[in-house]
Amino acid sequence: MNAPPEGESPFKGKTGLRRIVNAAGYSWAGLAAAFRHEDAFRQEILLAAVLIPLALYLGDDGIARALMVGAVLLVLIVELLNSAVEAAVDRISLEHHHLIKRAKDMGSAAVLIALINAVVVWALVLFG
């Protein structure tokens, strides 16, 4: 196999089952790292562990259940992306800089919007 071009990941050349196995391992490692290092992610996992079964019980039909579960999962997705941005920014620099603050604040705002979305979806499904 040829070496990857300068500056590209050597893992990008994997295909087929090897790529799927590698991707699953990286995904699991990311979830484990978020759970180990991010308090907010642990809290949201606990919330999801309560809300997802509740959504399956309270939802009147498949669409209601899907909306409620999807809104909860969206919070986890956005939290993972926010944590990834924070980790990457912290790797670059720990100094106080207005662009670093802006990036972290925007990630936090995205999580807040996902949480508001979850509340609105649940309220509309249950009371709308």
N, C-alpha and C. Protein backbone atom coordinates (compact mmCIF):
# COMPACT_ATOMS: atom_id res chain seq x y z
N MET A 1 0.84 -1.18 0.00
CA MET A 1 0.00 0.00 0.00
C MET A 1 0.88 1.24 0.00
N ASN A 2 0.48 2.24 -0.73
CA ASN A 2 1.26 3.47 -0.82
C ASN A 2 1.10 4.30 0.45
N ALA A 3 2.13 5.06 0.79
CA ALA A 3 2.07 5.94 1.94
C ALA A 3 1.09 7.08 1.64
N PRO A 4 0.37 7.54 2.66
CA PRO A 4 -0.58 8.64 2.43
C PRO A 4 0.17 9.93 2.09
N PRO A 5 -0.48 10.83 1.36
CA PRO A 5 0.15 12.11 1.06
C PRO A 5 0.53 12.85 2.34
N GLU A 6 1.51 13.71 2.27
CA GLU A 6 1.99 14.50 3.40
C GLU A 6 0.84 15.20 4.12
N GLY A 7 0.77 15.05 5.44
CA GLY A 7 -0.22 15.75 6.24
C GLY A 7 -1.56 15.04 6.34
N GLU A 8 -1.72 13.89 5.70
CA GLU A 8 -2.99 13.16 5.78
C GLU A 8 -2.85 11.97 6.72
N SER A 9 -3.96 11.59 7.28
CA SER A 9 -3.97 10.49 8.24
C SER A 9 -3.63 9.17 7.55
N PRO A 10 -2.77 8.36 8.18
CA PRO A 10 -2.47 7.05 7.62
C PRO A 10 -3.66 6.09 7.73
N PHE A 11 -4.68 6.45 8.50
CA PHE A 11 -5.84 5.58 8.69
C PHE A 11 -6.91 5.80 7.64
N LYS A 12 -6.76 6.83 6.81
CA LYS A 12 -7.77 7.14 5.81
C LYS A 12 -7.79 6.11 4.68
N GLY A 13 -6.75 5.35 4.51
CA GLY A 13 -6.69 4.39 3.41
C GLY A 13 -7.41 3.08 3.69
N LYS A 14 -7.87 2.88 4.92
CA LYS A 14 -8.54 1.64 5.27
C LYS A 14 -9.90 1.57 4.58
N THR A 15 -10.28 0.36 4.16
CA THR A 15 -11.58 0.19 3.50
C THR A 15 -12.25 -1.07 4.04
N GLY A 16 -13.50 -1.23 3.66
CA GLY A 16 -14.23 -2.45 3.99
C GLY A 16 -14.42 -2.66 5.48
N LEU A 17 -14.37 -3.92 5.86
CA LEU A 17 -14.63 -4.32 7.24
C LEU A 17 -13.60 -3.70 8.20
N ARG A 18 -12.35 -3.59 7.79
CA ARG A 18 -11.31 -3.00 8.66
C ARG A 18 -11.67 -1.57 9.01
N ARG A 19 -12.17 -0.79 8.05
CA ARG A 19 -12.56 0.59 8.31
C ARG A 19 -13.73 0.65 9.29
N ILE A 20 -14.70 -0.24 9.13
CA ILE A 20 -15.86 -0.27 10.01
C ILE A 20 -15.44 -0.63 11.44
N VAL A 21 -14.58 -1.62 11.56
CA VAL A 21 -14.09 -2.03 12.88
C VAL A 21 -13.31 -0.89 13.52
N ASN A 22 -12.43 -0.25 12.76
CA ASN A 22 -11.66 0.89 13.30
C ASN A 22 -12.60 2.01 13.73
N ALA A 23 -13.58 2.35 12.88
CA ALA A 23 -14.50 3.43 13.20
C ALA A 23 -15.29 3.13 14.47
N ALA A 24 -15.73 1.88 14.62
CA ALA A 24 -16.47 1.50 15.83
C ALA A 24 -15.58 1.65 17.06
N GLY A 25 -14.33 1.26 16.95
CA GLY A 25 -13.39 1.41 18.07
C GLY A 25 -13.15 2.86 18.42
N TYR A 26 -12.98 3.71 17.41
CA TYR A 26 -12.77 5.14 17.67
C TYR A 26 -14.02 5.75 18.32
N SER A 27 -15.18 5.34 17.85
CA SER A 27 -16.44 5.86 18.41
C SER A 27 -16.58 5.45 19.88
N TRP A 28 -16.31 4.20 20.15
CA TRP A 28 -16.39 3.72 21.54
C TRP A 28 -15.39 4.46 22.42
N ALA A 29 -14.17 4.68 21.91
CA ALA A 29 -13.16 5.41 22.67
C ALA A 29 -13.61 6.85 22.93
N GLY A 30 -14.27 7.46 21.96
CA GLY A 30 -14.78 8.82 22.14
C GLY A 30 -15.86 8.89 23.20
N LEU A 31 -16.78 7.92 23.17
CA LEU A 31 -17.83 7.88 24.20
C LEU A 31 -17.22 7.66 25.58
N ALA A 32 -16.27 6.76 25.66
CA ALA A 32 -15.63 6.48 26.95
C ALA A 32 -14.88 7.70 27.46
N ALA A 33 -14.17 8.40 26.57
CA ALA A 33 -13.43 9.60 26.97
C ALA A 33 -14.39 10.69 27.45
N ALA A 34 -15.50 10.87 26.74
CA ALA A 34 -16.48 11.88 27.15
C ALA A 34 -17.05 11.52 28.51
N PHE A 35 -17.37 10.25 28.71
CA PHE A 35 -17.94 9.83 29.99
C PHE A 35 -16.92 10.01 31.11
N ARG A 36 -15.66 9.71 30.83
CA ARG A 36 -14.61 9.78 31.85
C ARG A 36 -14.25 11.22 32.21
N HIS A 37 -14.24 12.13 31.21
CA HIS A 37 -13.67 13.46 31.42
C HIS A 37 -14.68 14.60 31.44
N GLU A 38 -15.92 14.35 31.06
CA GLU A 38 -16.89 15.45 30.93
C GLU A 38 -18.06 15.26 31.89
N ASP A 39 -18.11 16.10 32.92
CA ASP A 39 -19.19 16.02 33.90
C ASP A 39 -20.56 16.21 33.24
N ALA A 40 -20.65 17.18 32.35
CA ALA A 40 -21.94 17.46 31.70
C ALA A 40 -22.42 16.25 30.90
N PHE A 41 -21.51 15.56 30.23
CA PHE A 41 -21.90 14.38 29.45
C PHE A 41 -22.42 13.29 30.37
N ARG A 42 -21.77 13.09 31.51
CA ARG A 42 -22.26 12.08 32.47
C ARG A 42 -23.66 12.44 32.97
N GLN A 43 -23.88 13.71 33.25
CA GLN A 43 -25.20 14.14 33.71
C GLN A 43 -26.26 13.91 32.61
N GLU A 44 -25.90 14.22 31.39
CA GLU A 44 -26.84 14.06 30.27
C GLU A 44 -27.08 12.58 29.96
N ILE A 45 -26.09 11.73 30.16
CA ILE A 45 -26.29 10.29 30.00
C ILE A 45 -27.27 9.78 31.05
N LEU A 46 -27.12 10.25 32.28
CA LEU A 46 -28.05 9.87 33.35
C LEU A 46 -29.46 10.33 33.01
N LEU A 47 -29.58 11.55 32.53
CA LEU A 47 -30.88 12.08 32.12
C LEU A 47 -31.46 11.24 30.98
N ALA A 48 -30.62 10.89 30.01
CA ALA A 48 -31.08 10.07 28.88
C ALA A 48 -31.52 8.68 29.34
N ALA A 49 -30.82 8.14 30.33
CA ALA A 49 -31.19 6.81 30.86
C ALA A 49 -32.57 6.82 31.50
N VAL A 50 -32.98 7.98 31.99
CA VAL A 50 -34.32 8.12 32.57
C VAL A 50 -35.34 8.48 31.48
N LEU A 51 -34.98 9.46 30.63
CA LEU A 51 -35.93 10.01 29.67
C LEU A 51 -36.25 9.09 28.50
N ILE A 52 -35.28 8.33 28.02
CA ILE A 52 -35.55 7.47 26.86
C ILE A 52 -36.58 6.39 27.19
N PRO A 53 -36.43 5.64 28.30
CA PRO A 53 -37.50 4.69 28.63
C PRO A 53 -38.84 5.39 28.89
N LEU A 54 -38.78 6.58 29.50
CA LEU A 54 -40.01 7.33 29.74
C LEU A 54 -40.67 7.74 28.42
N ALA A 55 -39.87 8.13 27.45
CA ALA A 55 -40.41 8.50 26.13
C ALA A 55 -41.08 7.30 25.47
N LEU A 56 -40.47 6.13 25.61
CA LEU A 56 -41.05 4.93 25.01
C LEU A 56 -42.37 4.57 25.68
N TYR A 57 -42.49 4.89 26.97
CA TYR A 57 -43.72 4.61 27.71
C TYR A 57 -44.79 5.67 27.43
N LEU A 58 -44.40 6.94 27.45
CA LEU A 58 -45.37 8.03 27.35
C LEU A 58 -45.81 8.36 25.93
N GLY A 59 -44.97 8.05 24.96
CA GLY A 59 -45.32 8.39 23.58
C GLY A 59 -46.54 7.62 23.10
N ASP A 60 -47.47 8.32 22.46
CA ASP A 60 -48.71 7.69 21.99
C ASP A 60 -48.49 6.81 20.78
N ASP A 61 -47.52 7.16 19.95
CA ASP A 61 -47.26 6.39 18.73
C ASP A 61 -45.77 6.45 18.41
N GLY A 62 -45.41 5.80 17.33
CA GLY A 62 -44.00 5.74 16.95
C GLY A 62 -43.39 7.10 16.68
N ILE A 63 -44.16 7.99 16.07
CA ILE A 63 -43.62 9.32 15.75
C ILE A 63 -43.36 10.10 17.03
N ALA A 64 -44.29 10.07 17.96
CA ALA A 64 -44.08 10.77 19.23
C ALA A 64 -42.87 10.22 19.96
N ARG A 65 -42.76 8.90 20.01
CA ARG A 65 -41.60 8.28 20.67
C ARG A 65 -40.30 8.67 19.98
N ALA A 66 -40.31 8.63 18.65
CA ALA A 66 -39.10 8.98 17.89
C ALA A 66 -38.69 10.43 18.13
N LEU A 67 -39.66 11.34 18.16
CA LEU A 67 -39.35 12.74 18.41
C LEU A 67 -38.76 12.95 19.80
N MET A 68 -39.35 12.31 20.78
CA MET A 68 -38.87 12.47 22.16
C MET A 68 -37.49 11.86 22.35
N VAL A 69 -37.30 10.65 21.84
CA VAL A 69 -35.98 10.00 21.96
C VAL A 69 -34.95 10.78 21.14
N GLY A 70 -35.33 11.20 19.94
CA GLY A 70 -34.41 11.95 19.08
C GLY A 70 -33.96 13.25 19.72
N ALA A 71 -34.88 13.94 20.40
CA ALA A 71 -34.51 15.20 21.05
C ALA A 71 -33.49 14.95 22.17
N VAL A 72 -33.65 13.85 22.89
CA VAL A 72 -32.70 13.51 23.96
C VAL A 72 -31.34 13.14 23.36
N LEU A 73 -31.36 12.32 22.31
CA LEU A 73 -30.10 11.93 21.68
C LEU A 73 -29.38 13.12 21.06
N LEU A 74 -30.15 14.09 20.54
CA LEU A 74 -29.54 15.30 19.98
C LEU A 74 -28.73 16.05 21.04
N VAL A 75 -29.22 16.09 22.26
CA VAL A 75 -28.47 16.74 23.34
C VAL A 75 -27.12 16.05 23.53
N LEU A 76 -27.11 14.72 23.52
CA LEU A 76 -25.85 13.98 23.67
C LEU A 76 -24.90 14.25 22.51
N ILE A 77 -25.44 14.28 21.30
CA ILE A 77 -24.62 14.54 20.11
C ILE A 77 -23.98 15.92 20.20
N VAL A 78 -24.78 16.92 20.52
CA VAL A 78 -24.25 18.29 20.59
C VAL A 78 -23.23 18.41 21.73
N GLU A 79 -23.48 17.75 22.84
CA GLU A 79 -22.51 17.77 23.95
C GLU A 79 -21.19 17.15 23.52
N LEU A 80 -21.24 16.04 22.78
CA LEU A 80 -20.00 15.42 22.28
C LEU A 80 -19.24 16.38 21.36
N LEU A 81 -19.95 17.04 20.47
CA LEU A 81 -19.29 17.99 19.56
C LEU A 81 -18.73 19.18 20.33
N ASN A 82 -19.46 19.67 21.32
CA ASN A 82 -18.97 20.77 22.15
C ASN A 82 -17.71 20.35 22.90
N SER A 83 -17.72 19.15 23.46
CA SER A 83 -16.54 18.66 24.18
C SER A 83 -15.35 18.49 23.23
N ALA A 84 -15.61 18.06 22.01
CA ALA A 84 -14.53 17.91 21.02
C ALA A 84 -13.92 19.27 20.68
N VAL A 85 -14.77 20.28 20.50
CA VAL A 85 -14.26 21.63 20.20
C VAL A 85 -13.43 22.12 21.38
N GLU A 86 -13.93 21.95 22.58
CA GLU A 86 -13.19 22.41 23.76
C GLU A 86 -11.85 21.71 23.89
N ALA A 87 -11.82 20.40 23.66
CA ALA A 87 -10.56 19.67 23.76
C ALA A 87 -9.57 20.13 22.70
N ALA A 88 -10.04 20.33 21.48
CA ALA A 88 -9.15 20.78 20.40
C ALA A 88 -8.62 22.18 20.68
N VAL A 89 -9.48 23.06 21.16
CA VAL A 89 -9.06 24.43 21.46
C VAL A 89 -8.07 24.43 22.62
N ASP A 90 -8.34 23.62 23.65
CA ASP A 90 -7.41 23.55 24.77
C ASP A 90 -6.07 22.97 24.36
N ARG A 91 -6.07 22.08 23.38
CA ARG A 91 -4.80 21.51 22.88
C ARG A 91 -3.96 22.57 22.20
N ILE A 92 -4.65 23.48 21.52
CA ILE A 92 -3.95 24.54 20.80
C ILE A 92 -3.37 25.56 21.77
N SER A 93 -4.19 25.97 22.75
CA SER A 93 -3.73 26.98 23.70
C SER A 93 -4.64 27.03 24.90
N LEU A 94 -4.04 27.21 26.07
CA LEU A 94 -4.81 27.41 27.30
C LEU A 94 -4.86 28.88 27.70
N GLU A 95 -4.25 29.73 26.90
CA GLU A 95 -4.26 31.17 27.21
C GLU A 95 -5.65 31.75 26.99
N HIS A 96 -5.92 32.86 27.68
CA HIS A 96 -7.19 33.56 27.49
C HIS A 96 -7.10 34.35 26.20
N HIS A 97 -8.02 34.06 25.29
CA HIS A 97 -8.06 34.75 24.01
C HIS A 97 -9.53 34.88 23.62
N HIS A 98 -9.88 36.02 23.03
CA HIS A 98 -11.29 36.25 22.72
C HIS A 98 -11.85 35.24 21.72
N LEU A 99 -11.03 34.73 20.81
CA LEU A 99 -11.53 33.74 19.84
C LEU A 99 -11.73 32.38 20.50
N ILE A 100 -10.86 32.03 21.45
CA ILE A 100 -11.05 30.78 22.20
C ILE A 100 -12.34 30.87 23.01
N LYS A 101 -12.54 32.01 23.69
CA LYS A 101 -13.76 32.21 24.46
C LYS A 101 -14.98 32.13 23.55
N ARG A 102 -14.90 32.74 22.38
CA ARG A 102 -16.03 32.72 21.46
C ARG A 102 -16.35 31.29 21.03
N ALA A 103 -15.34 30.50 20.69
CA ALA A 103 -15.55 29.11 20.27
C ALA A 103 -16.21 28.30 21.38
N LYS A 104 -15.70 28.45 22.60
CA LYS A 104 -16.27 27.69 23.72
C LYS A 104 -17.69 28.16 24.06
N ASP A 105 -17.91 29.47 24.00
CA ASP A 105 -19.25 30.00 24.26
C ASP A 105 -20.26 29.53 23.21
N MET A 106 -19.83 29.47 21.95
CA MET A 106 -20.72 29.00 20.89
C MET A 106 -21.06 27.52 21.07
N GLY A 107 -20.08 26.74 21.47
CA GLY A 107 -20.36 25.33 21.75
C GLY A 107 -21.34 25.18 22.90
N SER A 108 -21.16 25.98 23.93
CA SER A 108 -22.08 25.95 25.06
C SER A 108 -23.48 26.39 24.63
N ALA A 109 -23.56 27.38 23.79
CA ALA A 109 -24.86 27.85 23.28
C ALA A 109 -25.55 26.75 22.47
N ALA A 110 -24.79 26.00 21.72
CA ALA A 110 -25.37 24.90 20.94
C ALA A 110 -25.98 23.85 21.86
N VAL A 111 -25.31 23.55 22.96
CA VAL A 111 -25.86 22.60 23.94
C VAL A 111 -27.14 23.17 24.54
N LEU A 112 -27.13 24.45 24.89
CA LEU A 112 -28.31 25.08 25.46
C LEU A 112 -29.49 24.99 24.49
N ILE A 113 -29.26 25.26 23.23
CA ILE A 113 -30.33 25.19 22.23
C ILE A 113 -30.84 23.76 22.10
N ALA A 114 -29.95 22.77 22.14
CA ALA A 114 -30.38 21.38 22.08
C ALA A 114 -31.23 21.01 23.29
N LEU A 115 -30.87 21.52 24.47
CA LEU A 115 -31.66 21.27 25.67
C LEU A 115 -33.03 21.94 25.58
N ILE A 116 -33.07 23.18 25.10
CA ILE A 116 -34.35 23.87 24.91
C ILE A 116 -35.20 23.11 23.90
N ASN A 117 -34.58 22.64 22.83
CA ASN A 117 -35.29 21.85 21.83
C ASN A 117 -35.92 20.62 22.48
N ALA A 118 -35.18 19.93 23.32
CA ALA A 118 -35.71 18.74 23.98
C ALA A 118 -36.92 19.08 24.84
N VAL A 119 -36.84 20.16 25.59
CA VAL A 119 -37.97 20.57 26.43
C VAL A 119 -39.18 20.91 25.57
N VAL A 120 -38.97 21.65 24.49
CA VAL A 120 -40.08 22.04 23.61
C VAL A 120 -40.71 20.82 22.95
N VAL A 121 -39.88 19.91 22.43
CA VAL A 121 -40.41 18.70 21.79
C VAL A 121 -41.23 17.89 22.78
N TRP A 122 -40.67 17.67 23.96
CA TRP A 122 -41.41 16.88 24.97
C TRP A 122 -42.72 17.58 25.35
N ALA A 123 -42.68 18.89 25.54
CA ALA A 123 -43.90 19.63 25.92
C ALA A 123 -44.95 19.54 24.81
N LEU A 124 -44.54 19.69 23.57
CA LEU A 124 -45.49 19.62 22.47
C LEU A 124 -46.08 18.22 22.31
N VAL A 125 -45.24 17.21 22.47
CA VAL A 125 -45.74 15.84 22.32
C VAL A 125 -46.68 15.49 23.47
N LEU A 126 -46.31 15.87 24.68
CA LEU A 126 -47.11 15.47 25.84
C LEU A 126 -48.32 16.34 26.10
N PHE A 127 -48.22 17.64 25.78
CA PHE A 127 -49.29 18.57 26.14
C PHE A 127 -49.88 19.32 24.95
N GLY A 128 -49.31 19.13 23.77
CA GLY A 128 -49.72 19.92 22.60
C GLY A 128 -50.86 19.32 21.88
